PDB file of N, CA and C in Angstrom:
ATOM      1  N   MET A   1      -6.500  -3.121  -4.431  1.00  0.00           N
ATOM      2  CA  MET A   1      -6.489  -1.773  -4.983  1.00  0.00           C
ATOM      3  C   MET A   1      -7.691  -1.634  -5.910  1.00  0.00           C
ATOM      4  N   GLY A   2      -8.581  -0.713  -5.585  1.00  0.00           N
ATOM      5  CA  GLY A   2      -9.765  -0.505  -6.401  1.00  0.00           C
ATOM      6  C   GLY A   2      -9.560   0.603  -7.409  1.00  0.00           C
ATOM      7  N   LYS A   3     -10.305   0.545  -8.506  1.00  0.00           N
ATOM      8  CA  LYS A   3     -10.239   1.601  -9.518  1.00  0.00           C
ATOM      9  C   LYS A   3     -11.647   2.044  -9.844  1.00  0.00           C
ATOM     10  N   GLU A   4     -11.896   3.343  -9.696  1.00  0.00           N
ATOM     11  CA  GLU A   4     -13.173   3.927 -10.059  1.00  0.00           C
ATOM     12  C   GLU A   4     -12.895   5.235 -10.771  1.00  0.00           C
ATOM     13  N   GLU A   5     -13.400   5.393 -11.970  1.00  0.00           N
ATOM     14  CA  GLU A   5     -13.250   6.637 -12.713  1.00  0.00           C
ATOM     15  C   GLU A   5     -11.795   7.090 -12.818  1.00  0.00           C
ATOM     16  N   GLY A   6     -10.874   6.166 -13.006  1.00  0.00           N
ATOM     17  CA  GLY A   6      -9.473   6.502 -13.159  1.00  0.00           C
ATOM     18  C   GLY A   6      -8.744   6.800 -11.862  1.00  0.00           C
ATOM     19  N   ILE A   7      -9.382   6.560 -10.736  1.00  0.00           N
ATOM     20  CA  ILE A   7      -8.764   6.823  -9.441  1.00  0.00           C
ATOM     21  C   ILE A   7      -8.287   5.501  -8.861  1.00  0.00           C
ATOM     22  N   SER A   8      -7.005   5.458  -8.502  1.00  0.00           N
ATOM     23  CA  SER A   8      -6.453   4.267  -7.868  1.00  0.00           C
ATOM     24  C   SER A   8      -6.397   4.480  -6.370  1.00  0.00           C
ATOM     25  N   ARG A   9      -6.749   3.463  -5.618  1.00  0.00           N
ATOM     26  CA  ARG A   9      -6.684   3.549  -4.175  1.00  0.00           C
ATOM     27  C   ARG A   9      -5.701   2.508  -3.662  1.00  0.00           C
ATOM     28  N   ARG A  10      -4.778   2.974  -2.823  1.00  0.00           N
ATOM     29  CA  ARG A  10      -3.801   2.076  -2.219  1.00  0.00           C
ATOM     30  C   ARG A  10      -3.642   2.460  -0.763  1.00  0.00           C
ATOM     31  N   SER A  11      -3.374   1.459   0.059  1.00  0.00           N
ATOM     32  CA  SER A  11      -3.106   1.731   1.467  1.00  0.00           C
ATOM     33  C   SER A  11      -1.705   2.326   1.593  1.00  0.00           C
ATOM     34  N   ARG A  12      -1.396   2.864   2.755  1.00  0.00           N
ATOM     35  CA  ARG A  12      -0.063   3.418   2.996  1.00  0.00           C
ATOM     36  C   ARG A  12       1.002   2.348   2.795  1.00  0.00           C
ATOM     37  N   ASP A  13       0.735   1.141   3.266  1.00  0.00           N
ATOM     38  CA  ASP A  13       1.702   0.046   3.113  1.00  0.00           C
ATOM     39  C   ASP A  13       1.888  -0.326   1.643  1.00  0.00           C
ATOM     40  N   GLU A  14       0.786  -0.348   0.885  1.00  0.00           N
ATOM     41  CA  GLU A  14       0.885  -0.655  -0.544  1.00  0.00           C
ATOM     42  C   GLU A  14       1.684   0.418  -1.281  1.00  0.00           C
ATOM     43  N   LEU A  15       1.474   1.685  -0.922  1.00  0.00           N
ATOM     44  CA  LEU A  15       2.246   2.765  -1.546  1.00  0.00           C
ATOM     45  C   LEU A  15       3.725   2.653  -1.213  1.00  0.00           C
ATOM     46  N   ALA A  16       4.023   2.374   0.044  1.00  0.00           N
ATOM     47  CA  ALA A  16       5.422   2.237   0.456  1.00  0.00           C
ATOM     48  C   ALA A  16       6.096   1.093  -0.291  1.00  0.00           C
ATOM     49  N   ALA A  17       5.403  -0.023  -0.436  1.00  0.00           N
ATOM     50  CA  ALA A  17       5.966  -1.171  -1.143  1.00  0.00           C
ATOM     51  C   ALA A  17       6.181  -0.852  -2.621  1.00  0.00           C
ATOM     52  N   ALA A  18       5.222  -0.154  -3.245  1.00  0.00           N
ATOM     53  CA  ALA A  18       5.352   0.210  -4.659  1.00  0.00           C
ATOM     54  C   ALA A  18       6.523   1.168  -4.850  1.00  0.00           C
ATOM     55  N   ARG A  19       6.664   2.142  -3.965  1.00  0.00           N
ATOM     56  CA  ARG A  19       7.790   3.079  -4.066  1.00  0.00           C
ATOM     57  C   ARG A  19       9.117   2.346  -3.897  1.00  0.00           C
ATOM     58  N   ALA A  20       9.160   1.400  -2.964  1.00  0.00           N
ATOM     59  CA  ALA A  20      10.387   0.637  -2.726  1.00  0.00           C
ATOM     60  C   ALA A  20      10.786  -0.162  -3.969  1.00  0.00           C
ATOM     61  N   ARG A  21       9.785  -0.587  -4.745  1.00  0.00           N
ATOM     62  CA  ARG A  21      10.050  -1.332  -5.983  1.00  0.00           C
ATOM     63  C   ARG A  21      10.339  -0.396  -7.159  1.00  0.00           C
ATOM     64  N   GLY A  22      10.243   0.915  -6.919  1.00  0.00           N
ATOM     65  CA  GLY A  22      10.490   1.876  -7.991  1.00  0.00           C
ATOM     66  C   GLY A  22       9.300   2.080  -8.902  1.00  0.00           C
ATOM     67  N   GLU A  23       8.119   1.655  -8.477  1.00  0.00           N
ATOM     68  CA  GLU A  23       6.916   1.796  -9.294  1.00  0.00           C
ATOM     69  C   GLU A  23       6.362   3.212  -9.189  1.00  0.00           C
ATOM     70  N   THR A  24       5.824   3.686 -10.284  1.00  0.00           N
ATOM     71  CA  THR A  24       5.162   4.978 -10.307  1.00  0.00           C
ATOM     72  C   THR A  24       4.055   4.927 -11.352  1.00  0.00           C
ATOM     73  N   LEU A  25       3.025   5.699 -11.144  1.00  0.00           N
ATOM     74  CA  LEU A  25       1.939   5.784 -12.119  1.00  0.00           C
ATOM     75  C   LEU A  25       2.135   6.972 -13.048  1.00  0.00           C
ATOM     76  N   THR A  26       3.210   7.717 -12.845  1.00  0.00           N
ATOM     77  CA  THR A  26       3.483   8.886 -13.658  1.00  0.00           C
ATOM     78  C   THR A  26       4.237   8.482 -14.920  1.00  0.00           C
ATOM     79  N   ASP A  27       3.780   8.971 -16.052  1.00  0.00           N
ATOM     80  CA  ASP A  27       4.454   8.723 -17.330  1.00  0.00           C
ATOM     81  C   ASP A  27       5.552   9.780 -17.478  1.00  0.00           C
ATOM     82  N   TRP A  28       6.720   9.511 -16.881  1.00  0.00           N
ATOM     83  CA  TRP A  28       7.800  10.495 -16.847  1.00  0.00           C
ATOM     84  C   TRP A  28       8.333  10.825 -18.223  1.00  0.00           C
ATOM     85  N   ALA A  29       8.277   9.905 -19.173  1.00  0.00           N
ATOM     86  CA  ALA A  29       8.723  10.208 -20.539  1.00  0.00           C
ATOM     87  C   ALA A  29       7.810  11.266 -21.152  1.00  0.00           C
ATOM     88  N   ARG A  30       6.516  11.148 -20.917  1.00  0.00           N
ATOM     89  CA  ARG A  30       5.563  12.141 -21.416  1.00  0.00           C
ATOM     90  C   ARG A  30       5.787  13.491 -20.733  1.00  0.00           C
ATOM     91  N   VAL A  31       6.028  13.476 -19.449  1.00  0.00           N
ATOM     92  CA  VAL A  31       6.289  14.711 -18.713  1.00  0.00           C
ATOM     93  C   VAL A  31       7.547  15.386 -19.268  1.00  0.00           C
ATOM     94  N   GLY A  32       8.600  14.615 -19.452  1.00  0.00           N
ATOM     95  CA  GLY A  32       9.855  15.168 -19.948  1.00  0.00           C
ATOM     96  C   GLY A  32       9.769  15.698 -21.364  1.00  0.00           C
ATOM     97  N   ALA A  33       8.871  15.141 -22.158  1.00  0.00           N
ATOM     98  CA  ALA A  33       8.727  15.562 -23.552  1.00  0.00           C
ATOM     99  C   ALA A  33       7.846  16.796 -23.703  1.00  0.00           C
ATOM    100  N   LYS A  34       7.185  17.202 -22.626  1.00  0.00           N
ATOM    101  CA  LYS A  34       6.277  18.345 -22.694  1.00  0.00           C
ATOM    102  C   LYS A  34       7.071  19.626 -22.910  1.00  0.00           C
ATOM    103  N   THR A  35       6.696  20.387 -23.936  1.00  0.00           N
ATOM    104  CA  THR A  35       7.354  21.672 -24.200  1.00  0.00           C
ATOM    105  C   THR A  35       6.714  22.751 -23.328  1.00  0.00           C
ATOM    106  N   ASP A  36       7.392  23.885 -23.190  1.00  0.00           N
ATOM    107  CA  ASP A  36       6.813  25.007 -22.453  1.00  0.00           C
ATOM    108  C   ASP A  36       5.500  25.451 -23.088  1.00  0.00           C
ATOM    109  N   ALA A  37       5.465  25.471 -24.423  1.00  0.00           N
ATOM    110  CA  ALA A  37       4.246  25.877 -25.125  1.00  0.00           C
ATOM    111  C   ALA A  37       3.120  24.873 -24.876  1.00  0.00           C
ATOM    112  N   GLY A  38       3.448  23.600 -24.884  1.00  0.00           N
ATOM    113  CA  GLY A  38       2.445  22.567 -24.618  1.00  0.00           C
ATOM    114  C   GLY A  38       1.920  22.654 -23.200  1.00  0.00           C
ATOM    115  N   LEU A  39       2.822  22.917 -22.265  1.00  0.00           N
ATOM    116  CA  LEU A  39       2.420  23.069 -20.875  1.00  0.00           C
ATOM    117  C   LEU A  39       1.510  24.291 -20.710  1.00  0.00           C
ATOM    118  N   ALA A  40       1.869  25.389 -21.356  1.00  0.00           N
ATOM    119  CA  ALA A  40       1.037  26.602 -21.296  1.00  0.00           C
ATOM    120  C   ALA A  40      -0.343  26.345 -21.876  1.00  0.00           C
ATOM    121  N   ARG A  41      -0.427  25.590 -22.973  1.00  0.00           N
ATOM    122  CA  ARG A  41      -1.729  25.237 -23.564  1.00  0.00           C
ATOM    123  C   ARG A  41      -2.556  24.395 -22.600  1.00  0.00           C
ATOM    124  N   ASP A  42      -1.895  23.417 -21.974  1.00  0.00           N
ATOM    125  CA  ASP A  42      -2.609  22.552 -21.033  1.00  0.00           C
ATOM    126  C   ASP A  42      -3.167  23.360 -19.870  1.00  0.00           C
ATOM    127  N   ILE A  43      -2.364  24.272 -19.340  1.00  0.00           N
ATOM    128  CA  ILE A  43      -2.808  25.100 -18.220  1.00  0.00           C
ATOM    129  C   ILE A  43      -3.960  26.000 -18.657  1.00  0.00           C
ATOM    130  N   ALA A  44      -3.833  26.624 -19.826  1.00  0.00           N
ATOM    131  CA  ALA A  44      -4.866  27.536 -20.323  1.00  0.00           C
ATOM    132  C   ALA A  44      -6.191  26.823 -20.554  1.00  0.00           C
ATOM    133  N   SER A  45      -6.141  25.535 -20.890  1.00  0.00           N
ATOM    134  CA  SER A  45      -7.371  24.797 -21.165  1.00  0.00           C
ATOM    135  C   SER A  45      -7.958  24.133 -19.919  1.00  0.00           C
ATOM    136  N   ASP A  46      -7.282  24.253 -18.783  1.00  0.00           N
ATOM    137  CA  ASP A  46      -7.743  23.631 -17.540  1.00  0.00           C
ATOM    138  C   ASP A  46      -8.685  24.589 -16.811  1.00  0.00           C
ATOM    139  N   PRO A  47      -9.962  24.228 -16.676  1.00  0.00           N
ATOM    140  CA  PRO A  47     -10.913  25.141 -16.027  1.00  0.00           C
ATOM    141  C   PRO A  47     -10.573  25.447 -14.575  1.00  0.00           C
ATOM    142  N   ASP A  48      -9.820  24.586 -13.916  1.00  0.00           N
ATOM    143  CA  ASP A  48      -9.437  24.852 -12.527  1.00  0.00           C
ATOM    144  C   ASP A  48      -8.449  26.009 -12.420  1.00  0.00           C
ATOM    145  N   TRP A  49      -7.768  26.344 -13.502  1.00  0.00           N
ATOM    146  CA  TRP A  49      -6.791  27.438 -13.499  1.00  0.00           C
ATOM    147  C   TRP A  49      -7.364  28.742 -14.056  1.00  0.00           C
ATOM    148  N   ARG A  50      -8.625  28.728 -14.482  1.00  0.00           N
ATOM    149  CA  ARG A  50      -9.236  29.874 -15.162  1.00  0.00           C
ATOM    150  C   ARG A  50      -9.093  31.183 -14.372  1.00  0.00           C
ATOM    151  N   ASP A  51      -9.342  31.164 -13.072  1.00  0.00           N
ATOM    152  CA  ASP A  51      -9.328  32.380 -12.272  1.00  0.00           C
ATOM    153  C   ASP A  51      -8.027  32.594 -11.500  1.00  0.00           C
ATOM    154  N   ILE A  52      -7.015  31.804 -11.794  1.00  0.00           N
ATOM    155  CA  ILE A  52      -5.733  31.934 -11.102  1.00  0.00           C
ATOM    156  C   ILE A  52      -4.865  32.941 -11.863  1.00  0.00           C
ATOM    157  N   PRO A  53      -4.420  34.019 -11.203  1.00  0.00           N
ATOM    158  CA  PRO A  53      -3.577  35.000 -11.901  1.00  0.00           C
ATOM    159  C   PRO A  53      -2.206  34.395 -12.251  1.00  0.00           C
ATOM    160  N   ALA A  54      -1.615  34.885 -13.328  1.00  0.00           N
ATOM    161  CA  ALA A  54      -0.333  34.345 -13.803  1.00  0.00           C
ATOM    162  C   ALA A  54       0.777  34.499 -12.768  1.00  0.00           C
ATOM    163  N   ASP A  55       0.687  35.514 -11.924  1.00  0.00           N
ATOM    164  CA  ASP A  55       1.751  35.743 -10.939  1.00  0.00           C
ATOM    165  C   ASP A  55       1.353  35.266  -9.538  1.00  0.00           C
ATOM    166  N   TRP A  56       0.501  34.265  -9.450  1.00  0.00           N
ATOM    167  CA  TRP A  56      -0.017  33.776  -8.169  1.00  0.00           C
ATOM    168  C   TRP A  56       1.095  33.390  -7.200  1.00  0.00           C
ATOM    169  N   TYR A  57       2.185  32.884  -7.726  1.00  0.00           N
ATOM    170  CA  TYR A  57       3.258  32.373  -6.874  1.00  0.00           C
ATOM    171  C   TYR A  57       4.025  33.476  -6.143  1.00  0.00           C
ATOM    172  N   HIS A  58       3.874  34.729  -6.578  1.00  0.00           N
ATOM    173  CA  HIS A  58       4.558  35.828  -5.888  1.00  0.00           C
ATOM    174  C   HIS A  58       4.033  36.033  -4.472  1.00  0.00           C
ATOM    175  N   SER A  59       2.776  35.678  -4.248  1.00  0.00           N
ATOM    176  CA  SER A  59       2.201  35.852  -2.911  1.00  0.00           C
ATOM    177  C   SER A  59       1.955  34.512  -2.208  1.00  0.00           C
ATOM    178  N   ALA A  60       2.486  33.446  -2.781  1.00  0.00           N
ATOM    179  CA  ALA A  60       2.295  32.112  -2.197  1.00  0.00           C
ATOM    180  C   ALA A  60       3.149  31.941  -0.942  1.00  0.00           C
ATOM    181  N   THR A  61       2.667  31.094  -0.051  1.00  0.00           N
ATOM    182  CA  THR A  61       3.396  30.759   1.161  1.00  0.00           C
ATOM    183  C   THR A  61       3.761  29.281   1.110  1.00  0.00           C
ATOM    184  N   LEU A  62       5.038  28.986   1.275  1.00  0.00           N
ATOM    185  CA  LEU A  62       5.494  27.601   1.277  1.00  0.00           C
ATOM    186  C   LEU A  62       5.082  26.940   2.584  1.00  0.00           C
ATOM    187  N   VAL A  63       4.421  25.792   2.470  1.00  0.00           N
ATOM    188  CA  VAL A  63       4.020  25.030   3.646  1.00  0.00           C
ATOM    189  C   VAL A  63       4.588  23.622   3.474  1.00  0.00           C
ATOM    190  N   MET A  64       5.427  23.225   4.403  1.00  0.00           N
ATOM    191  CA  MET A  64       6.033  21.899   4.348  1.00  0.00           C
ATOM    192  C   MET A  64       5.243  20.949   5.247  1.00  0.00           C
ATOM    193  N   PRO A  65       4.817  19.811   4.708  1.00  0.00           N
ATOM    194  CA  PRO A  65       4.074  18.866   5.525  1.00  0.00           C
ATOM    195  C   PRO A  65       4.976  18.205   6.574  1.00  0.00           C
ATOM    196  N   SER A  66       4.375  17.788   7.642  1.00  0.00           N
ATOM    197  CA  SER A  66       5.101  17.062   8.676  1.00  0.00           C
ATOM    198  C   SER A  66       5.306  15.632   8.228  1.00  0.00           C
ATOM    199  N   PRO A  67       6.444  15.019   8.567  1.00  0.00           N
ATOM    200  CA  PRO A  67       6.643  13.621   8.187  1.00  0.00           C
ATOM    201  C   PRO A  67       5.617  12.722   8.885  1.00  0.00           C
ATOM    202  N   VAL A  68       5.143  11.743   8.167  1.00  0.00           N
ATOM    203  CA  VAL A  68       4.201  10.770   8.723  1.00  0.00           C
ATOM    204  C   VAL A  68       5.003   9.531   9.062  1.00  0.00           C
ATOM    205  N   GLY A  69       4.839   9.067  10.238  1.00  0.00           N
ATOM    206  CA  GLY A  69       5.692   7.958  10.567  1.00  0.00           C
ATOM    207  C   GLY A  69       5.022   6.936  11.308  1.00  0.00           C
TER     208      GLY A  69
END
């Protein structure tokens, strides 16, 4: 598994094995502690969200990926 600029790379088999062991790279305690106000601040400060309207989800289309097997 290589790391460059904070990006982790794993093969499909490595990901499956990590999931089977219950491993995750997500800090769920930090996610759970995030307040609505904190989340709104994070979104407002993210340049990728700058041009996204607040009601974008009203016209969104749900797309479900096909299972990979």
